Amino acid sequence: MNNKILTIVLFLLFPIMIFAQTAAEVDVLLETDEVSAAVAAYFALGSAGLLPLGFSGAEGQAVAYDTALSNGWIKAAANDSITMQETAFLIMKAFDLKGGVIYKFFPSPRYAYREMIYHRIIQGRSYSNMKVSGIELLRIIDRTFNYSGSDGELE
């Protein structure tokens, strides 16, 4: 009987424990001037629901980076700072966004960046090789949620 109660309590508290850990990671991300490829992959794939539950911190970053690297969504080394166009490509692939005609024929970081500029997912002053800060990464992910439809088409 006590095991059942403990299991129910842990099951109910598990989402709270995950949220608290993620909140701490987001706080660190917000203070980051240049996001590494592993961190970008972790947040992009996690936001897209492509990371298995239970992975966080360095382990979660390694799993996310390996997934993105093996799928060809990222080419930068894990500890290298990620550029705006690499971020755009990673997010478009993670969220399975279709893009326009040119992106469909030539799916690359260059055209992913152009798509995200066109759809105002990437806003403000930016250029393709600009390094991405933590705040910018979260803004791009947020806008991706706002602008993407349920079928992966950009509105």
Protein backbone atom coordinates (compact mmCIF):
# COMPACT_ATOMS: atom_id res chain seq x y z
CA MET A 1 0.00 0.00 0.00
CA ASN A 2 2.80 2.43 0.91
CA ASN A 3 4.55 1.76 -2.39
CA LYS A 4 1.40 2.68 -4.29
CA ILE A 5 1.06 5.97 -2.40
CA LEU A 6 4.74 6.77 -2.93
CA THR A 7 4.41 5.98 -6.65
CA ILE A 8 1.35 8.24 -6.97
CA VAL A 9 3.06 11.10 -5.11
CA LEU A 10 6.23 10.79 -7.24
CA PHE A 11 4.13 10.60 -10.40
CA LEU A 12 2.32 13.81 -9.45
CA LEU A 13 5.51 15.63 -8.42
CA PHE A 14 7.60 14.49 -11.41
CA PRO A 15 6.41 17.30 -13.74
CA ILE A 16 7.18 19.85 -11.02
CA MET A 17 10.70 18.46 -10.61
CA ILE A 18 11.25 18.60 -14.39
CA PHE A 19 9.95 22.18 -14.55
CA ALA A 20 12.21 23.34 -11.73
CA GLN A 21 15.24 21.87 -13.41
CA THR A 22 14.30 23.34 -16.77
CA ALA A 23 13.70 26.76 -15.19
CA ALA A 24 17.23 26.73 -13.80
CA GLU A 25 18.57 25.81 -17.25
CA VAL A 26 16.55 28.62 -18.84
CA ASP A 27 17.97 31.10 -16.31
CA VAL A 28 21.50 30.09 -17.32
CA LEU A 29 20.55 30.32 -21.00
CA LEU A 30 19.20 33.85 -20.57
CA GLU A 31 22.61 34.98 -19.31
CA THR A 32 24.49 33.36 -22.22
CA ASP A 33 25.97 35.70 -24.83
CA GLU A 34 26.86 32.99 -27.36
CA VAL A 35 24.94 29.71 -27.29
CA SER A 36 26.85 26.53 -28.08
CA ALA A 37 25.60 24.10 -30.71
CA ALA A 38 24.85 21.48 -28.02
CA VAL A 39 22.76 23.90 -25.96
CA ALA A 40 20.88 25.11 -29.05
CA ALA A 41 20.15 21.51 -30.04
CA TYR A 42 18.98 20.73 -26.49
CA PHE A 43 16.48 23.59 -26.40
CA ALA A 44 15.33 23.24 -30.02
CA LEU A 45 14.79 19.48 -29.89
CA GLY A 46 13.32 19.68 -26.40
CA SER A 47 10.85 22.35 -27.52
CA ALA A 48 9.91 20.28 -30.56
CA GLY A 49 9.27 17.26 -28.34
CA LEU A 50 12.09 15.21 -29.82
CA LEU A 51 14.02 14.53 -26.61
CA PRO A 52 13.15 11.52 -24.48
CA LEU A 53 12.03 12.36 -20.95
CA GLY A 54 14.62 12.11 -18.24
CA PHE A 55 17.49 13.79 -20.07
CA SER A 56 18.68 17.14 -18.79
CA GLY A 57 21.85 19.11 -18.26
CA ALA A 58 25.02 17.91 -19.96
CA GLU A 59 23.52 14.50 -20.67
CA GLY A 60 20.49 16.07 -22.37
CA GLN A 61 22.72 18.36 -24.39
CA ALA A 62 24.84 15.42 -25.55
CA VAL A 63 21.79 13.39 -26.59
CA ALA A 64 20.23 16.37 -28.41
CA TYR A 65 23.49 17.27 -30.16
CA ASP A 66 24.09 13.68 -31.26
CA THR A 67 20.53 13.47 -32.61
CA ALA A 68 20.86 16.74 -34.53
CA LEU A 69 24.31 15.80 -35.84
CA SER A 70 23.27 12.34 -36.99
CA ASN A 71 20.24 13.79 -38.82
CA GLY A 72 22.41 16.42 -40.53
CA TRP A 73 20.60 19.30 -38.83
CA ILE A 74 23.79 20.77 -37.40
CA LYS A 75 27.42 20.80 -38.48
CA ALA A 76 29.11 22.90 -35.79
CA ALA A 77 31.11 21.20 -33.05
CA ALA A 78 29.22 20.77 -29.78
CA ASN A 79 31.10 23.53 -27.94
CA ASP A 80 31.25 25.97 -30.86
CA SER A 81 28.99 29.01 -30.82
CA ILE A 82 26.07 28.55 -33.18
CA THR A 83 25.26 31.09 -35.87
CA MET A 84 21.88 32.53 -36.77
CA GLN A 85 21.61 30.51 -39.99
CA GLU A 86 22.61 27.28 -38.24
CA THR A 87 19.99 27.98 -35.59
CA ALA A 88 17.34 28.62 -38.24
CA PHE A 89 18.13 25.35 -40.01
CA LEU A 90 18.18 23.38 -36.76
CA ILE A 91 14.80 24.76 -35.69
CA MET A 92 13.19 24.30 -39.10
CA LYS A 93 14.33 20.67 -39.15
CA ALA A 94 13.41 19.99 -35.51
CA PHE A 95 9.92 21.43 -35.95
CA ASP A 96 9.61 19.89 -39.43
CA LEU A 97 8.71 23.24 -41.01
CA LYS A 98 8.20 23.02 -44.76
CA GLY A 99 9.39 26.42 -45.95
CA GLY A 100 9.05 27.99 -49.39
CA VAL A 101 9.94 26.78 -52.87
CA ILE A 102 13.66 27.54 -52.69
CA TYR A 103 14.00 25.93 -49.26
CA LYS A 104 12.14 22.84 -50.48
CA PHE A 105 14.62 22.38 -53.34
CA PHE A 106 17.71 23.54 -51.43
CA PRO A 107 17.21 22.87 -47.71
CA SER A 108 20.24 24.53 -46.15
CA PRO A 109 21.07 26.91 -43.31
CA ARG A 110 21.20 29.83 -45.77
CA TYR A 111 17.66 29.35 -47.03
CA ALA A 112 16.31 28.40 -43.59
CA TYR A 113 17.61 31.74 -42.34
CA ARG A 114 15.92 33.53 -45.24
CA GLU A 115 12.63 31.72 -44.55
CA MET A 116 12.70 32.71 -40.90
CA ILE A 117 13.47 36.33 -41.78
CA TYR A 118 10.63 36.37 -44.30
CA HIS A 119 8.13 34.98 -41.79
CA ARG A 120 9.44 37.34 -39.09
CA ILE A 121 10.51 34.50 -36.81
CA ILE A 122 13.95 36.09 -36.75
CA GLN A 123 13.44 39.80 -36.14
CA GLY A 124 15.55 42.87 -35.65
CA ARG A 125 19.11 43.41 -36.73
CA SER A 126 20.76 40.16 -37.63
CA TYR A 127 22.97 38.62 -40.23
CA SER A 128 23.48 34.99 -41.14
CA ASN A 129 26.84 34.46 -39.40
CA MET A 130 25.88 36.37 -36.26
CA LYS A 131 26.30 34.40 -33.03
CA VAL A 132 23.05 33.66 -31.20
CA SER A 133 22.53 34.68 -27.58
CA GLY A 134 20.34 32.76 -25.16
CA ILE A 135 17.62 35.40 -25.26
CA GLU A 136 17.58 35.35 -29.06
CA LEU A 137 17.34 31.55 -29.11
CA LEU A 138 14.33 31.58 -26.80
CA ARG A 139 12.67 34.34 -28.82
CA ILE A 140 13.16 32.38 -32.05
CA ILE A 141 11.73 29.23 -30.50
CA ASP A 142 8.78 31.21 -29.11
CA ARG A 143 8.07 32.79 -32.50
CA THR A 144 8.36 29.37 -34.12
CA PHE A 145 5.55 28.16 -31.86
CA ASN A 146 3.48 31.25 -32.68
CA TYR A 147 3.98 31.12 -36.44
CA SER A 148 3.86 27.40 -37.13
CA GLY A 149 0.62 25.64 -37.76
CA SER A 150 -0.27 22.19 -36.52
CA ASP A 151 0.79 20.69 -39.88
CA GLY A 152 4.26 22.24 -39.88
CA GLU A 153 3.43 24.87 -42.51
CA LEU A 154 4.50 28.40 -41.79
CA GLU A 155 1.49 30.71 -41.72
